[in-house]
Structures are given as C-alpha cells and as structure tokens.
Amino acid sequence: MNINKAAKKALLLKDYLVVDASRILVGSISSLMLAEMGANVIKVEMPGHGDDTRHWGPPFLERAGRMGKDSTYYMSLNRNKRSIEVDFK
C-alpha cells in the first residue's frame, strides 16, 4: 500500500468531534480507535477523581507538571484524546 494512501485513510475522521462519556474499558477502546483515525475526541471525566482507570496500577506513569500519577493502562487507552471534567450531578 502506498504510504500516502495509508496516511489519508488514518485521517478519515479528521472533521469529526466525538464525546467519550464512557467509563473503563469498552468505550475507551472504541474512542481510541476513532481518535487514531483522526477524530477529535474529548473524554468526559468526574471532577476531582477522573476516570476510574487512572488509578489502576501499578505500573504508574508520572506526568510532568501534574500532581499524582496516572496508570499506564489509562495512558495507553486514552492517548490522542483531550479530557475535561464535568459534574453532571
């Protein structure tokens, strides 16, 4: 396959906005696949706590400029996404 064709296919969803309000595994994998195809994915998390998978570890990955640690599990499933905290209560 031509490399340029592969790059275009990877960005098929570049004009889409996806809101990921899921928790734990299945939603994170689904939105990860959409993000890797170019979609702009925004992960919605609980204020002050974040997604439950942030705390699943070890192993943990320390992020520069951020207090605390995130699990490598969380980081691998939520790459290429932005996150916001929203209190729906």
PDB file of N, CA and C in Angstrom:
ATOM      1  N   MET A   1       0.846  -1.184   0.000  1.00  0.00           N
ATOM      2  CA  MET A   1       0.000   0.000   0.000  1.00  0.00           C
ATOM      3  C   MET A   1       0.887   1.242   0.000  1.00  0.00           C
ATOM      4  N   ASN A   2       0.523   2.198  -0.782  1.00  0.00           N
ATOM      5  CA  ASN A   2       1.229   3.465  -0.852  1.00  0.00           C
ATOM      6  C   ASN A   2       1.143   4.177   0.504  1.00  0.00           C
ATOM      7  N   ILE A   3       2.253   4.734   0.979  1.00  0.00           N
ATOM      8  CA  ILE A   3       2.280   5.400   2.282  1.00  0.00           C
ATOM      9  C   ILE A   3       1.309   6.582   2.318  1.00  0.00           C
ATOM     10  N   ASN A   4       1.200   7.345   1.258  1.00  0.00           N
ATOM     11  CA  ASN A   4       0.275   8.485   1.225  1.00  0.00           C
ATOM     12  C   ASN A   4      -1.171   8.026   1.359  1.00  0.00           C
ATOM     13  N   LYS A   5      -1.518   6.895   0.740  1.00  0.00           N
ATOM     14  CA  LYS A   5      -2.866   6.346   0.875  1.00  0.00           C
ATOM     15  C   LYS A   5      -3.133   5.958   2.329  1.00  0.00           C
ATOM     16  N   ALA A   6      -2.159   5.344   2.967  1.00  0.00           N
ATOM     17  CA  ALA A   6      -2.314   4.921   4.364  1.00  0.00           C
ATOM     18  C   ALA A   6      -2.502   6.134   5.268  1.00  0.00           C
ATOM     19  N   ALA A   7      -1.769   7.213   5.009  1.00  0.00           N
ATOM     20  CA  ALA A   7      -1.902   8.422   5.823  1.00  0.00           C
ATOM     21  C   ALA A   7      -3.274   9.049   5.649  1.00  0.00           C
ATOM     22  N   LYS A   8      -3.800   9.056   4.436  1.00  0.00           N
ATOM     23  CA  LYS A   8      -5.133   9.617   4.190  1.00  0.00           C
ATOM     24  C   LYS A   8      -6.207   8.781   4.866  1.00  0.00           C
ATOM     25  N   LYS A   9      -6.070   7.457   4.823  1.00  0.00           N
ATOM     26  CA  LYS A   9      -7.029   6.581   5.474  1.00  0.00           C
ATOM     27  C   LYS A   9      -7.022   6.803   6.982  1.00  0.00           C
ATOM     28  N   ALA A  10      -5.863   7.036   7.557  1.00  0.00           N
ATOM     29  CA  ALA A  10      -5.756   7.212   9.000  1.00  0.00           C
ATOM     30  C   ALA A  10      -6.469   8.477   9.461  1.00  0.00           C
ATOM     31  N   LEU A  11      -6.677   9.435   8.571  1.00  0.00           N
ATOM     32  CA  LEU A  11      -7.312  10.689   8.953  1.00  0.00           C
ATOM     33  C   LEU A  11      -8.723  10.838   8.371  1.00  0.00           C
ATOM     34  N   LEU A  12      -9.373   9.735   8.105  1.00  0.00           N
ATOM     35  CA  LEU A  12     -10.713   9.779   7.539  1.00  0.00           C
ATOM     36  C   LEU A  12     -11.705  10.532   8.424  1.00  0.00           C
ATOM     37  N   LEU A  13     -11.482  10.549   9.724  1.00  0.00           N
ATOM     38  CA  LEU A  13     -12.428  11.167  10.658  1.00  0.00           C
ATOM     39  C   LEU A  13     -11.949  12.520  11.171  1.00  0.00           C
ATOM     40  N   LYS A  14     -11.044  13.171  10.450  1.00  0.00           N
ATOM     41  CA  LYS A  14     -10.424  14.392  10.960  1.00  0.00           C
ATOM     42  C   LYS A  14     -11.405  15.529  11.213  1.00  0.00           C
ATOM     43  N   ASP A  15     -12.558  15.530  10.596  1.00  0.00           N
ATOM     44  CA  ASP A  15     -13.533  16.603  10.783  1.00  0.00           C
ATOM     45  C   ASP A  15     -14.626  16.251  11.786  1.00  0.00           C
ATOM     46  N   TYR A  16     -14.473  15.136  12.497  1.00  0.00           N
ATOM     47  CA  TYR A  16     -15.497  14.692  13.438  1.00  0.00           C
ATOM     48  C   TYR A  16     -15.100  15.014  14.874  1.00  0.00           C
ATOM     49  N   LEU A  17     -16.106  15.341  15.677  1.00  0.00           N
ATOM     50  CA  LEU A  17     -15.921  15.555  17.109  1.00  0.00           C
ATOM     51  C   LEU A  17     -16.639  14.435  17.832  1.00  0.00           C
ATOM     52  N   VAL A  18     -15.944  13.740  18.723  1.00  0.00           N
ATOM     53  CA  VAL A  18     -16.507  12.626  19.476  1.00  0.00           C
ATOM     54  C   VAL A  18     -16.409  12.962  20.958  1.00  0.00           C
ATOM     55  N   VAL A  19     -17.517  12.803  21.663  1.00  0.00           N
ATOM     56  CA  VAL A  19     -17.517  12.999  23.110  1.00  0.00           C
ATOM     57  C   VAL A  19     -17.570  11.614  23.742  1.00  0.00           C
ATOM     58  N   ASP A  20     -16.535  11.274  24.488  1.00  0.00           N
ATOM     59  CA  ASP A  20     -16.435   9.970  25.148  1.00  0.00           C
ATOM     60  C   ASP A  20     -16.827  10.141  26.610  1.00  0.00           C
ATOM     61  N   ALA A  21     -18.049   9.746  26.944  1.00  0.00           N
ATOM     62  CA  ALA A  21     -18.523   9.830  28.328  1.00  0.00           C
ATOM     63  C   ALA A  21     -18.550   8.452  28.976  1.00  0.00           C
ATOM     64  N   SER A  22     -17.811   7.527  28.405  1.00  0.00           N
ATOM     65  CA  SER A  22     -17.792   6.160  28.914  1.00  0.00           C
ATOM     66  C   SER A  22     -16.844   6.028  30.097  1.00  0.00           C
ATOM     67  N   ARG A  23     -16.958   4.907  30.760  1.00  0.00           N
ATOM     68  CA  ARG A  23     -16.055   4.601  31.856  1.00  0.00           C
ATOM     69  C   ARG A  23     -15.438   3.231  31.606  1.00  0.00           C
ATOM     70  N   ILE A  24     -14.231   3.091  31.996  1.00  0.00           N
ATOM     71  CA  ILE A  24     -13.483   1.851  31.986  1.00  0.00           C
ATOM     72  C   ILE A  24     -13.146   1.392  30.572  1.00  0.00           C
ATOM     73  N   LEU A  25     -13.390   0.171  30.146  1.00  0.00           N
ATOM     74  CA  LEU A  25     -12.695  -0.410  29.002  1.00  0.00           C
ATOM     75  C   LEU A  25     -13.332  -0.210  27.627  1.00  0.00           C
ATOM     76  N   VAL A  26     -14.519  -0.674  27.409  1.00  0.00           N
ATOM     77  CA  VAL A  26     -15.068  -0.748  26.051  1.00  0.00           C
ATOM     78  C   VAL A  26     -15.170   0.617  25.375  1.00  0.00           C
ATOM     79  N   GLY A  27     -15.696   1.614  26.074  1.00  0.00           N
ATOM     80  CA  GLY A  27     -15.806   2.948  25.494  1.00  0.00           C
ATOM     81  C   GLY A  27     -14.451   3.553  25.194  1.00  0.00           C
ATOM     82  N   SER A  28     -13.491   3.322  26.076  1.00  0.00           N
ATOM     83  CA  SER A  28     -12.143   3.868  25.869  1.00  0.00           C
ATOM     84  C   SER A  28     -11.482   3.275  24.636  1.00  0.00           C
ATOM     85  N   ILE A  29     -11.673   1.996  24.411  1.00  0.00           N
ATOM     86  CA  ILE A  29     -11.088   1.359  23.222  1.00  0.00           C
ATOM     87  C   ILE A  29     -11.771   1.880  21.960  1.00  0.00           C
ATOM     88  N   SER A  30     -13.091   2.005  21.998  1.00  0.00           N
ATOM     89  CA  SER A  30     -13.829   2.488  20.826  1.00  0.00           C
ATOM     90  C   SER A  30     -13.412   3.906  20.457  1.00  0.00           C
ATOM     91  N   SER A  31     -13.368   4.795  21.456  1.00  0.00           N
ATOM     92  CA  SER A  31     -12.995   6.178  21.157  1.00  0.00           C
ATOM     93  C   SER A  31     -11.510   6.295  20.806  1.00  0.00           C
ATOM     94  N   LEU A  32     -10.678   5.391  21.309  1.00  0.00           N
ATOM     95  CA  LEU A  32      -9.269   5.370  20.923  1.00  0.00           C
ATOM     96  C   LEU A  32      -9.133   5.072  19.432  1.00  0.00           C
ATOM     97  N   MET A  33      -9.899   4.111  18.946  1.00  0.00           N
ATOM     98  CA  MET A  33      -9.842   3.784  17.518  1.00  0.00           C
ATOM     99  C   MET A  33     -10.296   4.967  16.672  1.00  0.00           C
ATOM    100  N   LEU A  34     -11.332   5.671  17.130  1.00  0.00           N
ATOM    101  CA  LEU A  34     -11.798   6.856  16.403  1.00  0.00           C
ATOM    102  C   LEU A  34     -10.731   7.957  16.421  1.00  0.00           C
ATOM    103  N   ALA A  35     -10.084   8.151  17.571  1.00  0.00           N
ATOM    104  CA  ALA A  35      -9.023   9.159  17.681  1.00  0.00           C
ATOM    105  C   ALA A  35      -7.856   8.833  16.764  1.00  0.00           C
ATOM    106  N   GLU A  36      -7.513   7.562  16.665  1.00  0.00           N
ATOM    107  CA  GLU A  36      -6.399   7.173  15.804  1.00  0.00           C
ATOM    108  C   GLU A  36      -6.736   7.306  14.326  1.00  0.00           C
ATOM    109  N   MET A  37      -8.025   7.417  14.006  1.00  0.00           N
ATOM    110  CA  MET A  37      -8.437   7.662  12.617  1.00  0.00           C
ATOM    111  C   MET A  37      -8.640   9.151  12.364  1.00  0.00           C
ATOM    112  N   GLY A  38      -8.251   9.979  13.342  1.00  0.00           N
ATOM    113  CA  GLY A  38      -8.254  11.417  13.125  1.00  0.00           C
ATOM    114  C   GLY A  38      -9.347  12.200  13.812  1.00  0.00           C
ATOM    115  N   ALA A  39     -10.294  11.547  14.468  1.00  0.00           N
ATOM    116  CA  ALA A  39     -11.379  12.263  15.134  1.00  0.00           C
ATOM    117  C   ALA A  39     -10.845  13.055  16.322  1.00  0.00           C
ATOM    118  N   ASN A  40     -11.485  14.171  16.596  1.00  0.00           N
ATOM    119  CA  ASN A  40     -11.168  14.992  17.761  1.00  0.00           C
ATOM    120  C   ASN A  40     -11.986  14.427  18.919  1.00  0.00           C
ATOM    121  N   VAL A  41     -11.356  13.709  19.831  1.00  0.00           N
ATOM    122  CA  VAL A  41     -12.062  13.018  20.913  1.00  0.00           C
ATOM    123  C   VAL A  41     -11.862  13.769  22.223  1.00  0.00           C
ATOM    124  N   ILE A  42     -12.984  14.045  22.882  1.00  0.00           N
ATOM    125  CA  ILE A  42     -12.954  14.691  24.188  1.00  0.00           C
ATOM    126  C   ILE A  42     -13.502  13.702  25.201  1.00  0.00           C
ATOM    127  N   LYS A  43     -12.673  13.349  26.162  1.00  0.00           N
ATOM    128  CA  LYS A  43     -13.060  12.401  27.216  1.00  0.00           C
ATOM    129  C   LYS A  43     -13.638  13.184  28.381  1.00  0.00           C
ATOM    130  N   VAL A  44     -14.840  12.813  28.825  1.00  0.00           N
ATOM    131  CA  VAL A  44     -15.500  13.463  29.951  1.00  0.00           C
ATOM    132  C   VAL A  44     -15.221  12.640  31.204  1.00  0.00           C
ATOM    133  N   GLU A  45     -14.686  13.306  32.233  1.00  0.00           N
ATOM    134  CA  GLU A  45     -14.335  12.616  33.468  1.00  0.00           C
ATOM    135  C   GLU A  45     -14.962  13.297  34.674  1.00  0.00           C
ATOM    136  N   MET A  46     -15.023  12.561  35.795  1.00  0.00           N
ATOM    137  CA  MET A  46     -15.587  13.090  37.034  1.00  0.00           C
ATOM    138  C   MET A  46     -14.648  14.129  37.644  1.00  0.00           C
ATOM    139  N   PRO A  47     -15.192  15.251  38.129  1.00  0.00           N
ATOM    140  CA  PRO A  47     -14.351  16.275  38.761  1.00  0.00           C
ATOM    141  C   PRO A  47     -13.621  15.738  39.995  1.00  0.00           C
ATOM    142  N   GLY A  48     -12.348  16.072  40.084  1.00  0.00           N
ATOM    143  CA  GLY A  48     -11.551  15.699  41.245  1.00  0.00           C
ATOM    144  C   GLY A  48     -11.094  14.257  41.291  1.00  0.00           C
ATOM    145  N   HIS A  49     -11.653  13.410  40.467  1.00  0.00           N
ATOM    146  CA  HIS A  49     -11.313  11.987  40.504  1.00  0.00           C
ATOM    147  C   HIS A  49     -10.829  11.479  39.157  1.00  0.00           C
ATOM    148  N   GLY A  50     -11.451  11.944  38.093  1.00  0.00           N
ATOM    149  CA  GLY A  50     -11.102  11.467  36.765  1.00  0.00           C
ATOM    150  C   GLY A  50     -11.710  10.112  36.487  1.00  0.00           C
ATOM    151  N   ASP A  51     -11.263   9.475  35.446  1.00  0.00           N
ATOM    152  CA  ASP A  51     -11.721   8.138  35.085  1.00  0.00           C
ATOM    153  C   ASP A  51     -11.175   7.137  36.095  1.00  0.00           C
ATOM    154  N   ASP A  52     -11.950   6.095  36.389  1.00  0.00           N
ATOM    155  CA  ASP A  52     -11.507   5.074  37.347  1.00  0.00           C
ATOM    156  C   ASP A  52     -10.183   4.432  36.947  1.00  0.00           C
ATOM    157  N   THR A  53      -9.959   4.275  35.648  1.00  0.00           N
ATOM    158  CA  THR A  53      -8.753   3.584  35.196  1.00  0.00           C
ATOM    159  C   THR A  53      -7.477   4.394  35.426  1.00  0.00           C
ATOM    160  N   ARG A  54      -7.599   5.689  35.741  1.00  0.00           N
ATOM    161  CA  ARG A  54      -6.403   6.478  36.078  1.00  0.00           C
ATOM    162  C   ARG A  54      -5.668   5.884  37.283  1.00  0.00           C
ATOM    163  N   HIS A  55      -6.413   5.189  38.136  1.00  0.00           N
ATOM    164  CA  HIS A  55      -5.867   4.702  39.401  1.00  0.00           C
ATOM    165  C   HIS A  55      -5.573   3.204  39.391  1.00  0.00           C
ATOM    166  N   TRP A  56      -5.758   2.551  38.238  1.00  0.00           N
ATOM    167  CA  TRP A  56      -5.491   1.113  38.145  1.00  0.00           C
ATOM    168  C   TRP A  56      -4.003   0.893  37.926  1.00  0.00           C
ATOM    169  N   GLY A  57      -3.344   0.329  38.870  1.00  0.00           N
ATOM    170  CA  GLY A  57      -1.918   0.090  38.719  1.00  0.00           C
ATOM    171  C   GLY A  57      -1.421  -0.764  39.855  1.00  0.00           C
ATOM    172  N   PRO A  58      -0.153  -1.009  39.957  1.00  0.00           N
ATOM    173  CA  PRO A  58       0.896  -0.476  39.116  1.00  0.00           C
ATOM    174  C   PRO A  58       0.911  -1.162  37.752  1.00  0.00           C
ATOM    175  N   PRO A  59       1.658  -0.666  36.822  1.00  0.00           N
ATOM    176  CA  PRO A  59       2.593   0.449  36.880  1.00  0.00           C
ATOM    177  C   PRO A  59       1.898   1.798  36.654  1.00  0.00           C
ATOM    178  N   PHE A  60       2.546   2.826  37.162  1.00  0.00           N
ATOM    179  CA  PHE A  60       2.063   4.193  37.022  1.00  0.00           C
ATOM    180  C   PHE A  60       3.072   5.018  36.235  1.00  0.00           C
ATOM    181  N   LEU A  61       2.586   6.061  35.607  1.00  0.00           N
ATOM    182  CA  LEU A  61       3.440   6.965  34.848  1.00  0.00           C
ATOM    183  C   LEU A  61       3.278   8.351  35.431  1.00  0.00           C
ATOM    184  N   GLU A  62       4.362   8.943  35.895  1.00  0.00           N
ATOM    185  CA  GLU A  62       4.293  10.302  36.429  1.00  0.00           C
ATOM    186  C   GLU A  62       4.320  11.270  35.264  1.00  0.00           C
ATOM    187  N   ARG A  63       3.405  12.226  35.284  1.00  0.00           N
ATOM    188  CA  ARG A  63       3.336  13.227  34.221  1.00  0.00           C
ATOM    189  C   ARG A  63       3.928  14.527  34.726  1.00  0.00           C
ATOM    190  N   ALA A  64       4.765  15.117  33.899  1.00  0.00           N
ATOM    191  CA  ALA A  64       5.413  16.378  34.275  1.00  0.00           C
ATOM    192  C   ALA A  64       4.366  17.460  34.480  1.00  0.00           C
ATOM    193  N   GLY A  65       4.519  18.235  35.534  1.00  0.00           N
ATOM    194  CA  GLY A  65       3.625  19.345  35.797  1.00  0.00           C
ATOM    195  C   GLY A  65       2.284  18.950  36.375  1.00  0.00           C
ATOM    196  N   ARG A  66       2.125  17.703  36.762  1.00  0.00           N
ATOM    197  CA  ARG A  66       0.843  17.255  37.299  1.00  0.00           C
ATOM    198  C   ARG A  66       1.062  16.508  38.598  1.00  0.00           C
ATOM    199  N   MET A  67       0.295  16.850  39.589  1.00  0.00           N
ATOM    200  CA  MET A  67       0.378  16.151  40.862  1.00  0.00           C
ATOM    201  C   MET A  67      -0.214  14.757  40.706  1.00  0.00           C
ATOM    202  N   GLY A  68       0.382  13.801  41.375  1.00  0.00           N
ATOM    203  CA  GLY A  68      -0.145  12.448  41.345  1.00  0.00           C
ATOM    204  C   GLY A  68       0.397  11.628  40.191  1.00  0.00           C
ATOM    205  N   LYS A  69      -0.197  10.464  40.011  1.00  0.00           N
ATOM    206  CA  LYS A  69       0.258   9.532  38.986  1.00  0.00           C
ATOM    207  C   LYS A  69      -0.934   9.019  38.196  1.00  0.00           C
ATOM    208  N   ASP A  70      -0.700   8.664  36.958  1.00  0.00           N
ATOM    209  CA  ASP A  70      -1.712   8.017  36.129  1.00  0.00           C
ATOM    210  C   ASP A  70      -1.204   6.625  35.789  1.00  0.00           C
ATOM    211  N   SER A  71      -2.131   5.672  35.702  1.00  0.00           N
ATOM    212  CA  SER A  71      -1.715   4.313  35.365  1.00  0.00           C
ATOM    213  C   SER A  71      -1.331   4.245  33.887  1.00  0.00           C
ATOM    214  N   THR A  72      -0.415   3.357  33.591  1.00  0.00           N
ATOM    215  CA  THR A  72      -0.028   3.172  32.193  1.00  0.00           C
ATOM    216  C   THR A  72      -1.201   2.597  31.403  1.00  0.00           C
ATOM    217  N   TYR A  73      -2.063   1.856  32.071  1.00  0.00           N
ATOM    218  CA  TYR A  73      -3.282   1.334  31.439  1.00  0.00           C
ATOM    219  C   TYR A  73      -4.135   2.496  30.934  1.00  0.00           C
ATOM    220  N   TYR A  74      -4.371   3.498  31.790  1.00  0.00           N
ATOM    221  CA  TYR A  74      -5.161   4.667  31.412  1.00  0.00           C
ATOM    222  C   TYR A  74      -4.488   5.419  30.258  1.00  0.00           C
ATOM    223  N   MET A  75      -3.192   5.628  30.383  1.00  0.00           N
ATOM    224  CA  MET A  75      -2.466   6.388  29.365  1.00  0.00           C
ATOM    225  C   MET A  75      -2.515   5.695  27.999  1.00  0.00           C
ATOM    226  N   SER A  76      -2.432   4.368  27.988  1.00  0.00           N
ATOM    227  CA  SER A  76      -2.436   3.663  26.706  1.00  0.00           C
ATOM    228  C   SER A  76      -3.811   3.677  26.044  1.00  0.00           C
ATOM    229  N   LEU A  77      -4.886   3.677  26.823  1.00  0.00           N
ATOM    230  CA  LEU A  77      -6.237   3.677  26.246  1.00  0.00           C
ATOM    231  C   LEU A  77      -6.751   5.066  25.910  1.00  0.00           C
ATOM    232  N   ASN A  78      -6.118   6.102  26.429  1.00  0.00           N
ATOM    233  CA  ASN A  78      -6.637   7.447  26.230  1.00  0.00           C
ATOM    234  C   ASN A  78      -5.662   8.376  25.525  1.00  0.00           C
ATOM    235  N   ARG A  79      -4.732   7.807  24.793  1.00  0.00           N
ATOM    236  CA  ARG A  79      -3.825   8.644  24.013  1.00  0.00           C
ATOM    237  C   ARG A  79      -4.607   9.284  22.867  1.00  0.00           C
ATOM    238  N   ASN A  80      -4.114  10.386  22.369  1.00  0.00           N
ATOM    239  CA  ASN A  80      -4.737  11.131  21.270  1.00  0.00           C
ATOM    240  C   ASN A  80      -6.101  11.709  21.622  1.00  0.00           C
ATOM    241  N   LYS A  81      -6.387  11.867  22.921  1.00  0.00           N
ATOM    242  CA  LYS A  81      -7.661  12.431  23.366  1.00  0.00           C
ATOM    243  C   LYS A  81      -7.380  13.626  24.272  1.00  0.00           C
ATOM    244  N   ARG A  82      -8.350  14.507  24.349  1.00  0.00           N
ATOM    245  CA  ARG A  82      -8.308  15.570  25.347  1.00  0.00           C
ATOM    246  C   ARG A  82      -9.340  15.206  26.400  1.00  0.00           C
ATOM    247  N   SER A  83      -9.163  15.684  27.621  1.00  0.00           N
ATOM    248  CA  SER A  83     -10.165  15.363  28.627  1.00  0.00           C
ATOM    249  C   SER A  83     -10.633  16.626  29.341  1.00  0.00           C
ATOM    250  N   ILE A  84     -11.881  16.561  29.776  1.00  0.00           N
ATOM    251  CA  ILE A  84     -12.476  17.643  30.563  1.00  0.00           C
ATOM    252  C   ILE A  84     -13.176  17.011  31.750  1.00  0.00           C
ATOM    253  N   GLU A  85     -13.333  17.785  32.799  1.00  0.00           N
ATOM    254  CA  GLU A  85     -14.089  17.319  33.960  1.00  0.00           C
ATOM    255  C   GLU A  85     -15.445  17.997  33.947  1.00  0.00           C
ATOM    256  N   VAL A  86     -16.511  17.214  34.063  1.00  0.00           N
ATOM    257  CA  VAL A  86     -17.873  17.742  34.067  1.00  0.00           C
ATOM    258  C   VAL A  86     -18.640  17.086  35.193  1.00  0.00           C
ATOM    259  N   ASP A  87     -19.330  17.902  35.995  1.00  0.00           N
ATOM    260  CA  ASP A  87     -20.150  17.397  37.084  1.00  0.00           C
ATOM    261  C   ASP A  87     -21.604  17.352  36.600  1.00  0.00           C
ATOM    262  N   PHE A  88     -22.086  16.160  36.288  1.00  0.00           N
ATOM    263  CA  PHE A  88     -23.454  16.017  35.814  1.00  0.00           C
ATOM    264  C   PHE A  88     -24.476  15.949  36.957  1.00  0.00           C
ATOM    265  N   LYS A  89     -23.975  15.890  38.187  1.00  0.00           N
ATOM    266  CA  LYS A  89     -24.885  15.836  39.329  1.00  0.00           C
ATOM    267  C   LYS A  89     -25.499  17.176  39.510  1.00  0.00           C
TER     268      LYS A  89
END
